[in-house]
Amino acid sequence: MGNEQLVRLTPAAGEKACALAVREQQGELLRVAITGGGCNGLSYKLRFTPAPRRGDILVETGGARVVVDAKTALYLKGTEVDYSNRLIGGGFKFTNPNAKASCSCGESFSM
């Protein structure tokens, strides 16, 4: 079990994650992962899963349940996830204090 020092969803992000989980019907847990790719080398990936994997860290935040694997946790520590429903520039936004640079779309970063 982890805490919001690893990752924190704002109330808006938590509300949207819960609504999407109901709509997608892939599971109630929001998996946050970091993979190679994007214009800055690393990118955030979000998907729903029905259960945590062995070694996952579970964080209850913003009214949602988030799972993070141990490798992602190294890059994610202290990250806040917000959500905006604006037509332009809307969606999930990551504020990662570990990132040295990020792209203008906010979906990839470098360390």
PDB file of N, CA and C in Angstrom:
ATOM      1  N   MET A   1       0.848  -1.177   0.000  1.00  0.00           N
ATOM      2  CA  MET A   1       0.000   0.000   0.000  1.00  0.00           C
ATOM      3  C   MET A   1       0.892   1.239   0.000  1.00  0.00           C
ATOM      4  N   GLY A   2       0.599   2.147  -0.906  1.00  0.00           N
ATOM      5  CA  GLY A   2       1.353   3.386  -0.992  1.00  0.00           C
ATOM      6  C   GLY A   2       0.526   4.550  -0.489  1.00  0.00           C
ATOM      7  N   ASN A   3       1.024   5.746  -0.703  1.00  0.00           N
ATOM      8  CA  ASN A   3       0.282   6.933  -0.296  1.00  0.00           C
ATOM      9  C   ASN A   3       0.448   8.021  -1.354  1.00  0.00           C
ATOM     10  N   GLU A   4      -0.137   9.172  -1.080  1.00  0.00           N
ATOM     11  CA  GLU A   4      -0.135  10.262  -2.045  1.00  0.00           C
ATOM     12  C   GLU A   4       1.240  10.896  -2.240  1.00  0.00           C
ATOM     13  N   GLN A   5       2.240  10.483  -1.483  1.00  0.00           N
ATOM     14  CA  GLN A   5       3.599  10.970  -1.739  1.00  0.00           C
ATOM     15  C   GLN A   5       4.153  10.336  -3.009  1.00  0.00           C
ATOM     16  N   LEU A   6       3.574   9.219  -3.439  1.00  0.00           N
ATOM     17  CA  LEU A   6       3.976   8.587  -4.695  1.00  0.00           C
ATOM     18  C   LEU A   6       3.259   9.246  -5.863  1.00  0.00           C
ATOM     19  N   VAL A   7       1.937   9.247  -5.823  1.00  0.00           N
ATOM     20  CA  VAL A   7       1.125   9.860  -6.871  1.00  0.00           C
ATOM     21  C   VAL A   7      -0.164  10.363  -6.241  1.00  0.00           C
ATOM     22  N   ARG A   8      -0.603  11.531  -6.698  1.00  0.00           N
ATOM     23  CA  ARG A   8      -1.830  12.121  -6.155  1.00  0.00           C
ATOM     24  C   ARG A   8      -2.718  12.553  -7.297  1.00  0.00           C
ATOM     25  N   LEU A   9      -3.966  12.092  -7.271  1.00  0.00           N
ATOM     26  CA  LEU A   9      -4.973  12.549  -8.220  1.00  0.00           C
ATOM     27  C   LEU A   9      -5.749  13.688  -7.580  1.00  0.00           C
ATOM     28  N   THR A  10      -5.946  14.761  -8.312  1.00  0.00           N
ATOM     29  CA  THR A  10      -6.806  15.827  -7.822  1.00  0.00           C
ATOM     30  C   THR A  10      -8.236  15.293  -7.802  1.00  0.00           C
ATOM     31  N   PRO A  11      -9.153  15.970  -7.101  1.00  0.00           N
ATOM     32  CA  PRO A  11     -10.551  15.527  -7.128  1.00  0.00           C
ATOM     33  C   PRO A  11     -11.115  15.425  -8.548  1.00  0.00           C
ATOM     34  N   ALA A  12     -10.755  16.360  -9.425  1.00  0.00           N
ATOM     35  CA  ALA A  12     -11.245  16.316 -10.812  1.00  0.00           C
ATOM     36  C   ALA A  12     -10.716  15.083 -11.539  1.00  0.00           C
ATOM     37  N   ALA A  13      -9.435  14.753 -11.341  1.00  0.00           N
ATOM     38  CA  ALA A  13      -8.840  13.577 -11.987  1.00  0.00           C
ATOM     39  C   ALA A  13      -9.445  12.295 -11.426  1.00  0.00           C
ATOM     40  N   GLY A  14      -9.653  12.254 -10.123  1.00  0.00           N
ATOM     41  CA  GLY A  14     -10.254  11.076  -9.506  1.00  0.00           C
ATOM     42  C   GLY A  14     -11.673  10.844  -9.987  1.00  0.00           C
ATOM     43  N   GLU A  15     -12.444  11.916 -10.082  1.00  0.00           N
ATOM     44  CA  GLU A  15     -13.822  11.817 -10.558  1.00  0.00           C
ATOM     45  C   GLU A  15     -13.865  11.315 -11.998  1.00  0.00           C
ATOM     46  N   LYS A  16     -13.000  11.848 -12.853  1.00  0.00           N
ATOM     47  CA  LYS A  16     -12.961  11.423 -14.254  1.00  0.00           C
ATOM     48  C   LYS A  16     -12.502   9.975 -14.372  1.00  0.00           C
ATOM     49  N   ALA A  17     -11.499   9.582 -13.577  1.00  0.00           N
ATOM     50  CA  ALA A  17     -11.015   8.202 -13.608  1.00  0.00           C
ATOM     51  C   ALA A  17     -12.123   7.226 -13.216  1.00  0.00           C
ATOM     52  N   CYS A  18     -12.888   7.563 -12.193  1.00  0.00           N
ATOM     53  CA  CYS A  18     -13.986   6.690 -11.765  1.00  0.00           C
ATOM     54  C   CYS A  18     -15.062   6.593 -12.842  1.00  0.00           C
ATOM     55  N   ALA A  19     -15.397   7.711 -13.471  1.00  0.00           N
ATOM     56  CA  ALA A  19     -16.403   7.716 -14.536  1.00  0.00           C
ATOM     57  C   ALA A  19     -15.927   6.892 -15.729  1.00  0.00           C
ATOM     58  N   LEU A  20     -14.658   7.008 -16.089  1.00  0.00           N
ATOM     59  CA  LEU A  20     -14.112   6.241 -17.208  1.00  0.00           C
ATOM     60  C   LEU A  20     -14.055   4.750 -16.887  1.00  0.00           C
ATOM     61  N   ALA A  21     -13.754   4.404 -15.639  1.00  0.00           N
ATOM     62  CA  ALA A  21     -13.707   2.997 -15.243  1.00  0.00           C
ATOM     63  C   ALA A  21     -15.076   2.347 -15.426  1.00  0.00           C
ATOM     64  N   VAL A  22     -16.135   3.063 -15.072  1.00  0.00           N
ATOM     65  CA  VAL A  22     -17.495   2.550 -15.248  1.00  0.00           C
ATOM     66  C   VAL A  22     -17.803   2.392 -16.736  1.00  0.00           C
ATOM     67  N   ARG A  23     -17.429   3.383 -17.524  1.00  0.00           N
ATOM     68  CA  ARG A  23     -17.712   3.353 -18.960  1.00  0.00           C
ATOM     69  C   ARG A  23     -16.920   2.270 -19.690  1.00  0.00           C
ATOM     70  N   GLU A  24     -15.633   2.149 -19.372  1.00  0.00           N
ATOM     71  CA  GLU A  24     -14.755   1.214 -20.079  1.00  0.00           C
ATOM     72  C   GLU A  24     -14.962  -0.241 -19.669  1.00  0.00           C
ATOM     73  N   GLN A  25     -15.360  -0.475 -18.424  1.00  0.00           N
ATOM     74  CA  GLN A  25     -15.602  -1.816 -17.882  1.00  0.00           C
ATOM     75  C   GLN A  25     -14.412  -2.762 -18.059  1.00  0.00           C
ATOM     76  N   GLN A  26     -13.206  -2.250 -17.843  1.00  0.00           N
ATOM     77  CA  GLN A  26     -11.985  -3.056 -17.927  1.00  0.00           C
ATOM     78  C   GLN A  26     -11.410  -3.353 -16.542  1.00  0.00           C
ATOM     79  N   GLY A  27     -11.974  -2.741 -15.523  1.00  0.00           N
ATOM     80  CA  GLY A  27     -11.493  -2.890 -14.161  1.00  0.00           C
ATOM     81  C   GLY A  27     -11.627  -1.572 -13.433  1.00  0.00           C
ATOM     82  N   GLU A  28     -11.588  -1.637 -12.116  1.00  0.00           N
ATOM     83  CA  GLU A  28     -11.780  -0.437 -11.298  1.00  0.00           C
ATOM     84  C   GLU A  28     -10.483   0.262 -10.923  1.00  0.00           C
ATOM     85  N   LEU A  29      -9.355  -0.392 -11.147  1.00  0.00           N
ATOM     86  CA  LEU A  29      -8.071   0.198 -10.774  1.00  0.00           C
ATOM     87  C   LEU A  29      -7.462   0.922 -11.958  1.00  0.00           C
ATOM     88  N   LEU A  30      -6.982   2.129 -11.719  1.00  0.00           N
ATOM     89  CA  LEU A  30      -6.301   2.898 -12.752  1.00  0.00           C
ATOM     90  C   LEU A  30      -4.812   2.599 -12.670  1.00  0.00           C
ATOM     91  N   ARG A  31      -4.262   1.981 -13.720  1.00  0.00           N
ATOM     92  CA  ARG A  31      -2.831   1.704 -13.758  1.00  0.00           C
ATOM     93  C   ARG A  31      -2.123   2.884 -14.412  1.00  0.00           C
ATOM     94  N   VAL A  32      -1.158   3.457 -13.694  1.00  0.00           N
ATOM     95  CA  VAL A  32      -0.316   4.520 -14.229  1.00  0.00           C
ATOM     96  C   VAL A  32       1.046   3.895 -14.487  1.00  0.00           C
ATOM     97  N   ALA A  33       1.500   3.998 -15.724  1.00  0.00           N
ATOM     98  CA  ALA A  33       2.791   3.426 -16.097  1.00  0.00           C
ATOM     99  C   ALA A  33       3.591   4.448 -16.886  1.00  0.00           C
ATOM    100  N   ILE A  34       4.890   4.256 -16.894  1.00  0.00           N
ATOM    101  CA  ILE A  34       5.792   5.077 -17.694  1.00  0.00           C
ATOM    102  C   ILE A  34       6.520   4.132 -18.639  1.00  0.00           C
ATOM    103  N   THR A  35       6.477   4.475 -19.918  1.00  0.00           N
ATOM    104  CA  THR A  35       7.123   3.648 -20.936  1.00  0.00           C
ATOM    105  C   THR A  35       8.051   4.513 -21.777  1.00  0.00           C
ATOM    106  N   GLY A  36       8.937   3.876 -22.480  1.00  0.00           N
ATOM    107  CA  GLY A  36       9.805   4.591 -23.407  1.00  0.00           C
ATOM    108  C   GLY A  36       8.995   5.065 -24.598  1.00  0.00           C
ATOM    109  N   GLY A  37       9.301   6.251 -25.078  1.00  0.00           N
ATOM    110  CA  GLY A  37       8.603   6.787 -26.245  1.00  0.00           C
ATOM    111  C   GLY A  37       8.227   8.233 -26.045  1.00  0.00           C
ATOM    112  N   GLY A  38       7.529   8.769 -27.007  1.00  0.00           N
ATOM    113  CA  GLY A  38       7.145  10.172 -26.950  1.00  0.00           C
ATOM    114  C   GLY A  38       8.285  11.057 -27.414  1.00  0.00           C
ATOM    115  N   CYS A  39       8.013  12.328 -27.555  1.00  0.00           N
ATOM    116  CA  CYS A  39       9.017  13.237 -28.106  1.00  0.00           C
ATOM    117  C   CYS A  39      10.141  13.562 -27.131  1.00  0.00           C
ATOM    118  N   ASN A  40       9.985  13.224 -25.841  1.00  0.00           N
ATOM    119  CA  ASN A  40      11.047  13.491 -24.870  1.00  0.00           C
ATOM    120  C   ASN A  40      11.660  12.234 -24.275  1.00  0.00           C
ATOM    121  N   GLY A  41      11.283  11.063 -24.776  1.00  0.00           N
ATOM    122  CA  GLY A  41      11.931   9.837 -24.326  1.00  0.00           C
ATOM    123  C   GLY A  41      11.105   8.942 -23.435  1.00  0.00           C
ATOM    124  N   LEU A  42      10.267   9.505 -22.567  1.00  0.00           N
ATOM    125  CA  LEU A  42       9.410   8.733 -21.670  1.00  0.00           C
ATOM    126  C   LEU A  42       7.987   9.264 -21.786  1.00  0.00           C
ATOM    127  N   SER A  43       7.006   8.371 -21.680  1.00  0.00           N
ATOM    128  CA  SER A  43       5.623   8.832 -21.751  1.00  0.00           C
ATOM    129  C   SER A  43       4.764   8.131 -20.716  1.00  0.00           C
ATOM    130  N   TYR A  44       3.699   8.799 -20.321  1.00  0.00           N
ATOM    131  CA  TYR A  44       2.744   8.277 -19.356  1.00  0.00           C
ATOM    132  C   TYR A  44       1.706   7.434 -20.073  1.00  0.00           C
ATOM    133  N   LYS A  45       1.334   6.320 -19.454  1.00  0.00           N
ATOM    134  CA  LYS A  45       0.278   5.464 -19.989  1.00  0.00           C
ATOM    135  C   LYS A  45      -0.736   5.220 -18.884  1.00  0.00           C
ATOM    136  N   LEU A  46      -1.999   5.360 -19.227  1.00  0.00           N
ATOM    137  CA  LEU A  46      -3.089   5.102 -18.294  1.00  0.00           C
ATOM    138  C   LEU A  46      -3.974   4.011 -18.875  1.00  0.00           C
ATOM    139  N   ARG A  47      -4.364   3.057 -18.040  1.00  0.00           N
ATOM    140  CA  ARG A  47      -5.337   2.054 -18.449  1.00  0.00           C
ATOM    141  C   ARG A  47      -5.977   1.482 -17.201  1.00  0.00           C
ATOM    142  N   PHE A  48      -7.075   0.790 -17.393  1.00  0.00           N
ATOM    143  CA  PHE A  48      -7.779   0.195 -16.263  1.00  0.00           C
ATOM    144  C   PHE A  48      -7.461  -1.283 -16.173  1.00  0.00           C
ATOM    145  N   THR A  49      -7.455  -1.792 -14.959  1.00  0.00           N
ATOM    146  CA  THR A  49      -7.150  -3.191 -14.708  1.00  0.00           C
ATOM    147  C   THR A  49      -8.042  -3.683 -13.566  1.00  0.00           C
ATOM    148  N   PRO A  50      -8.433  -4.952 -13.598  1.00  0.00           N
ATOM    149  CA  PRO A  50      -9.318  -5.456 -12.548  1.00  0.00           C
ATOM    150  C   PRO A  50      -8.619  -5.756 -11.225  1.00  0.00           C
ATOM    151  N   ALA A  51      -7.314  -6.036 -11.263  1.00  0.00           N
ATOM    152  CA  ALA A  51      -6.603  -6.414 -10.039  1.00  0.00           C
ATOM    153  C   ALA A  51      -5.145  -5.990 -10.141  1.00  0.00           C
ATOM    154  N   PRO A  52      -4.519  -5.740  -8.994  1.00  0.00           N
ATOM    155  CA  PRO A  52      -3.096  -5.404  -9.022  1.00  0.00           C
ATOM    156  C   PRO A  52      -2.265  -6.643  -9.352  1.00  0.00           C
ATOM    157  N   ARG A  53      -1.069  -6.408  -9.864  1.00  0.00           N
ATOM    158  CA  ARG A  53      -0.105  -7.480 -10.101  1.00  0.00           C
ATOM    159  C   ARG A  53       0.790  -7.609  -8.879  1.00  0.00           C
ATOM    160  N   ARG A  54       1.479  -8.714  -8.805  1.00  0.00           N
ATOM    161  CA  ARG A  54       2.424  -8.914  -7.709  1.00  0.00           C
ATOM    162  C   ARG A  54       3.482  -7.802  -7.754  1.00  0.00           C
ATOM    163  N   GLY A  55       3.729  -7.162  -6.637  1.00  0.00           N
ATOM    164  CA  GLY A  55       4.712  -6.095  -6.556  1.00  0.00           C
ATOM    165  C   GLY A  55       4.161  -4.704  -6.828  1.00  0.00           C
ATOM    166  N   ASP A  56       2.894  -4.610  -7.246  1.00  0.00           N
ATOM    167  CA  ASP A  56       2.285  -3.296  -7.489  1.00  0.00           C
ATOM    168  C   ASP A  56       2.100  -2.534  -6.184  1.00  0.00           C
ATOM    169  N   ILE A  57       2.103  -1.232  -6.303  1.00  0.00           N
ATOM    170  CA  ILE A  57       1.827  -0.345  -5.177  1.00  0.00           C
ATOM    171  C   ILE A  57       0.441   0.235  -5.405  1.00  0.00           C
ATOM    172  N   LEU A  58      -0.436   0.093  -4.421  1.00  0.00           N
ATOM    173  CA  LEU A  58      -1.806   0.596  -4.508  1.00  0.00           C
ATOM    174  C   LEU A  58      -1.904   1.904  -3.735  1.00  0.00           C
ATOM    175  N   VAL A  59      -2.462   2.925  -4.393  1.00  0.00           N
ATOM    176  CA  VAL A  59      -2.646   4.233  -3.761  1.00  0.00           C
ATOM    177  C   VAL A  59      -4.109   4.632  -3.920  1.00  0.00           C
ATOM    178  N   GLU A  60      -4.753   4.971  -2.815  1.00  0.00           N
ATOM    179  CA  GLU A  60      -6.101   5.508  -2.866  1.00  0.00           C
ATOM    180  C   GLU A  60      -5.992   7.017  -2.797  1.00  0.00           C
ATOM    181  N   THR A  61      -6.461   7.674  -3.862  1.00  0.00           N
ATOM    182  CA  THR A  61      -6.276   9.112  -3.983  1.00  0.00           C
ATOM    183  C   THR A  61      -7.363   9.725  -4.854  1.00  0.00           C
ATOM    184  N   GLY A  62      -7.837  10.880  -4.491  1.00  0.00           N
ATOM    185  CA  GLY A  62      -8.818  11.592  -5.298  1.00  0.00           C
ATOM    186  C   GLY A  62     -10.119  10.828  -5.497  1.00  0.00           C
ATOM    187  N   GLY A  63     -10.409   9.888  -4.620  1.00  0.00           N
ATOM    188  CA  GLY A  63     -11.625   9.080  -4.765  1.00  0.00           C
ATOM    189  C   GLY A  63     -11.457   7.896  -5.688  1.00  0.00           C
ATOM    190  N   ALA A  64     -10.240   7.651  -6.177  1.00  0.00           N
ATOM    191  CA  ALA A  64      -9.972   6.534  -7.085  1.00  0.00           C
ATOM    192  C   ALA A  64      -8.875   5.657  -6.491  1.00  0.00           C
ATOM    193  N   ARG A  65      -8.730   4.470  -7.058  1.00  0.00           N
ATOM    194  CA  ARG A  65      -7.663   3.558  -6.659  1.00  0.00           C
ATOM    195  C   ARG A  65      -6.696   3.423  -7.831  1.00  0.00           C
ATOM    196  N   VAL A  66      -5.419   3.715  -7.546  1.00  0.00           N
ATOM    197  CA  VAL A  66      -4.374   3.744  -8.564  1.00  0.00           C
ATOM    198  C   VAL A  66      -3.353   2.653  -8.244  1.00  0.00           C
ATOM    199  N   VAL A  67      -2.885   1.942  -9.280  1.00  0.00           N
ATOM    200  CA  VAL A  67      -1.801   0.985  -9.094  1.00  0.00           C
ATOM    201  C   VAL A  67      -0.607   1.411  -9.939  1.00  0.00           C
ATOM    202  N   VAL A  68       0.578   1.211  -9.357  1.00  0.00           N
ATOM    203  CA  VAL A  68       1.834   1.593  -9.993  1.00  0.00           C
ATOM    204  C   VAL A  68       2.821   0.451  -9.771  1.00  0.00           C
ATOM    205  N   ASP A  69       3.530   0.042 -10.830  1.00  0.00           N
ATOM    206  CA  ASP A  69       4.558  -0.983 -10.650  1.00  0.00           C
ATOM    207  C   ASP A  69       5.802  -0.341 -10.033  1.00  0.00           C
ATOM    208  N   ALA A  70       6.667  -1.178  -9.487  1.00  0.00           N
ATOM    209  CA  ALA A  70       7.837  -0.677  -8.753  1.00  0.00           C
ATOM    210  C   ALA A  70       8.770   0.155  -9.628  1.00  0.00           C
ATOM    211  N   LYS A  71       8.951  -0.226 -10.890  1.00  0.00           N
ATOM    212  CA  LYS A  71       9.841   0.528 -11.775  1.00  0.00           C
ATOM    213  C   LYS A  71       9.274   1.919 -12.060  1.00  0.00           C
ATOM    214  N   THR A  72       7.978   1.983 -12.349  1.00  0.00           N
ATOM    215  CA  THR A  72       7.329   3.270 -12.609  1.00  0.00           C
ATOM    216  C   THR A  72       7.401   4.165 -11.376  1.00  0.00           C
ATOM    217  N   ALA A  73       7.286   3.569 -10.193  1.00  0.00           N
ATOM    218  CA  ALA A  73       7.304   4.347  -8.952  1.00  0.00           C
ATOM    219  C   ALA A  73       8.573   5.181  -8.823  1.00  0.00           C
ATOM    220  N   LEU A  74       9.690   4.675  -9.350  1.00  0.00           N
ATOM    221  CA  LEU A  74      10.957   5.419  -9.280  1.00  0.00           C
ATOM    222  C   LEU A  74      10.881   6.737 -10.038  1.00  0.00           C
ATOM    223  N   TYR A  75      10.156   6.746 -11.148  1.00  0.00           N
ATOM    224  CA  TYR A  75      10.024   7.945 -11.977  1.00  0.00           C
ATOM    225  C   TYR A  75       8.864   8.840 -11.552  1.00  0.00           C
ATOM    226  N   LEU A  76       7.893   8.252 -10.876  1.00  0.00           N
ATOM    227  CA  LEU A  76       6.626   8.933 -10.605  1.00  0.00           C
ATOM    228  C   LEU A  76       6.570   9.663  -9.266  1.00  0.00           C
ATOM    229  N   LYS A  77       7.446   9.353  -8.346  1.00  0.00           N
ATOM    230  CA  LYS A  77       7.360   9.851  -6.972  1.00  0.00           C
ATOM    231  C   LYS A  77       7.088  11.353  -6.908  1.00  0.00           C
ATOM    232  N   GLY A  78       5.990  11.711  -6.229  1.00  0.00           N
ATOM    233  CA  GLY A  78       5.628  13.112  -6.048  1.00  0.00           C
ATOM    234  C   GLY A  78       4.779  13.700  -7.160  1.00  0.00           C
ATOM    235  N   THR A  79       4.352  12.882  -8.111  1.00  0.00           N
ATOM    236  CA  THR A  79       3.592  13.374  -9.261  1.00  0.00           C
ATOM    237  C   THR A  79       2.135  13.651  -8.899  1.00  0.00           C
ATOM    238  N   GLU A  80       1.622  14.758  -9.419  1.00  0.00           N
ATOM    239  CA  GLU A  80       0.203  15.082  -9.284  1.00  0.00           C
ATOM    240  C   GLU A  80      -0.451  14.942 -10.659  1.00  0.00           C
ATOM    241  N   VAL A  81      -1.621  14.311 -10.674  1.00  0.00           N
ATOM    242  CA  VAL A  81      -2.379  14.148 -11.909  1.00  0.00           C
ATOM    243  C   VAL A  81      -3.666  14.953 -11.771  1.00  0.00           C
ATOM    244  N   ASP A  82      -3.896  15.851 -12.712  1.00  0.00           N
ATOM    245  CA  ASP A  82      -5.102  16.670 -12.731  1.00  0.00           C
ATOM    246  C   ASP A  82      -5.880  16.341 -13.997  1.00  0.00           C
ATOM    247  N   TYR A  83      -7.109  16.803 -14.057  1.00  0.00           N
ATOM    248  CA  TYR A  83      -7.927  16.601 -15.256  1.00  0.00           C
ATOM    249  C   TYR A  83      -8.643  17.903 -15.594  1.00  0.00           C
ATOM    250  N   SER A  84      -8.648  18.211 -16.889  1.00  0.00           N
ATOM    251  CA  SER A  84      -9.372  19.381 -17.378  1.00  0.00           C
ATOM    252  C   SER A  84     -10.267  18.933 -18.521  1.00  0.00           C
ATOM    253  N   ASN A  85     -11.492  19.425 -18.549  1.00  0.00           N
ATOM    254  CA  ASN A  85     -12.405  19.066 -19.644  1.00  0.00           C
ATOM    255  C   ASN A  85     -12.453  20.157 -20.710  1.00  0.00           C
ATOM    256  N   ARG A  86     -11.458  21.008 -20.747  1.00  0.00           N
ATOM    257  CA  ARG A  86     -11.402  22.061 -21.772  1.00  0.00           C
ATOM    258  C   ARG A  86     -11.303  21.434 -23.154  1.00  0.00           C
ATOM    259  N   LEU A  87     -11.910  22.067 -24.114  1.00  0.00           N
ATOM    260  CA  LEU A  87     -11.911  21.553 -25.480  1.00  0.00           C
ATOM    261  C   LEU A  87     -10.493  21.516 -26.064  1.00  0.00           C
ATOM    262  N   ILE A  88      -9.734  22.558 -25.808  1.00  0.00           N
ATOM    263  CA  ILE A  88      -8.350  22.613 -26.283  1.00  0.00           C
ATOM    264  C   ILE A  88      -7.440  22.508 -25.065  1.00  0.00           C
ATOM    265  N   GLY A  89      -6.545  21.547 -25.094  1.00  0.00           N
ATOM    266  CA  GLY A  89      -5.608  21.368 -23.987  1.00  0.00           C
ATOM    267  C   GLY A  89      -6.190  20.626 -22.807  1.00  0.00           C
ATOM    268  N   GLY A  90      -7.325  19.993 -22.978  1.00  0.00           N
ATOM    269  CA  GLY A  90      -7.950  19.244 -21.897  1.00  0.00           C
ATOM    270  C   GLY A  90      -7.370  17.845 -21.777  1.00  0.00           C
ATOM    271  N   GLY A  91      -7.843  17.113 -20.793  1.00  0.00           N
ATOM    272  CA  GLY A  91      -7.399  15.742 -20.550  1.00  0.00           C
ATOM    273  C   GLY A  91      -6.627  15.647 -19.255  1.00  0.00           C
ATOM    274  N   PHE A  92      -5.993  14.509 -19.039  1.00  0.00           N
ATOM    275  CA  PHE A  92      -5.186  14.307 -17.843  1.00  0.00           C
ATOM    276  C   PHE A  92      -3.853  15.023 -18.010  1.00  0.00           C
ATOM    277  N   LYS A  93      -3.443  15.735 -16.974  1.00  0.00           N
ATOM    278  CA  LYS A  93      -2.192  16.494 -16.978  1.00  0.00           C
ATOM    279  C   LYS A  93      -1.328  16.032 -15.805  1.00  0.00           C
ATOM    280  N   PHE A  94      -0.071  15.758 -16.094  1.00  0.00           N
ATOM    281  CA  PHE A  94       0.867  15.273 -15.092  1.00  0.00           C
ATOM    282  C   PHE A  94       1.822  16.386 -14.697  1.00  0.00           C
ATOM    283  N   THR A  95       1.986  16.583 -13.394  1.00  0.00           N
ATOM    284  CA  THR A  95       3.004  17.490 -12.875  1.00  0.00           C
ATOM    285  C   THR A  95       3.984  16.622 -12.099  1.00  0.00           C
ATOM    286  N   ASN A  96       5.128  16.363 -12.730  1.00  0.00           N
ATOM    287  CA  ASN A  96       6.117  15.444 -12.175  1.00  0.00           C
ATOM    288  C   ASN A  96       7.352  16.236 -11.753  1.00  0.00           C
ATOM    289  N   PRO A  97       7.627  16.286 -10.439  1.00  0.00           N
ATOM    290  CA  PRO A  97       8.785  17.062  -9.980  1.00  0.00           C
ATOM    291  C   PRO A  97      10.128  16.447 -10.386  1.00  0.00           C
ATOM    292  N   ASN A  98      10.113  15.206 -10.863  1.00  0.00           N
ATOM    293  CA  ASN A  98      11.351  14.525 -11.265  1.00  0.00           C
ATOM    294  C   ASN A  98      11.733  14.796 -12.717  1.00  0.00           C
ATOM    295  N   ALA A  99      10.786  15.307 -13.497  1.00  0.00           N
ATOM    296  CA  ALA A  99      11.036  15.533 -14.923  1.00  0.00           C
ATOM    297  C   ALA A  99      11.951  16.740 -15.126  1.00  0.00           C
ATOM    298  N   LYS A 100      12.946  16.571 -15.964  1.00  0.00           N
ATOM    299  CA  LYS A 100      13.851  17.677 -16.304  1.00  0.00           C
ATOM    300  C   LYS A 100      13.265  18.532 -17.418  1.00  0.00           C
ATOM    301  N   ALA A 101      12.515  17.879 -18.320  1.00  0.00           N
ATOM    302  CA  ALA A 101      11.873  18.579 -19.429  1.00  0.00           C
ATOM    303  C   ALA A 101      10.633  17.797 -19.827  1.00  0.00           C
ATOM    304  N   SER A 102       9.658  18.498 -20.370  1.00  0.00           N
ATOM    305  CA  SER A 102       8.464  17.822 -20.874  1.00  0.00           C
ATOM    306  C   SER A 102       8.032  18.511 -22.159  1.00  0.00           C
ATOM    307  N   CYS A 103       7.258  17.776 -22.955  1.00  0.00           N
ATOM    308  CA  CYS A 103       6.813  18.338 -24.226  1.00  0.00           C
ATOM    309  C   CYS A 103       5.609  19.247 -23.989  1.00  0.00           C
ATOM    310  N   SER A 104       5.235  19.993 -24.986  1.00  0.00           N
ATOM    311  CA  SER A 104       4.138  20.945 -24.839  1.00  0.00           C
ATOM    312  C   SER A 104       2.800  20.259 -24.620  1.00  0.00           C
ATOM    313  N   CYS A 105       2.644  19.029 -25.100  1.00  0.00           N
ATOM    314  CA  CYS A 105       1.370  18.326 -24.896  1.00  0.00           C
ATOM    315  C   CYS A 105       1.279  17.740 -23.496  1.00  0.00           C
ATOM    316  N   GLY A 106       2.394  17.635 -22.766  1.00  0.00           N
ATOM    317  CA  GLY A 106       2.381  17.151 -21.406  1.00  0.00           C
ATOM    318  C   GLY A 106       2.301  15.634 -21.283  1.00  0.00           C
ATOM    319  N   GLU A 107       2.466  14.918 -22.387  1.00  0.00           N
ATOM    320  CA  GLU A 107       2.347  13.468 -22.344  1.00  0.00           C
ATOM    321  C   GLU A 107       3.689  12.745 -22.359  1.00  0.00           C
ATOM    322  N   SER A 108       4.766  13.481 -22.569  1.00  0.00           N
ATOM    323  CA  SER A 108       6.075  12.838 -22.499  1.00  0.00           C
ATOM    324  C   SER A 108       7.046  13.762 -21.766  1.00  0.00           C
ATOM    325  N   PHE A 109       8.123  13.145 -21.260  1.00  0.00           N
ATOM    326  CA  PHE A 109       9.066  13.913 -20.462  1.00  0.00           C
ATOM    327  C   PHE A 109      10.428  13.234 -20.517  1.00  0.00           C
ATOM    328  N   SER A 110      11.435  13.897 -19.985  1.00  0.00           N
ATOM    329  CA  SER A 110      12.763  13.313 -19.858  1.00  0.00           C
ATOM    330  C   SER A 110      13.265  13.564 -18.452  1.00  0.00           C
ATOM    331  N   MET A 111      14.225  12.745 -18.055  1.00  0.00           N
ATOM    332  CA  MET A 111      14.781  12.856 -16.699  1.00  0.00           C
ATOM    333  C   MET A 111      16.267  13.093 -16.761  1.00  0.00           C
TER     334      MET A 111
END
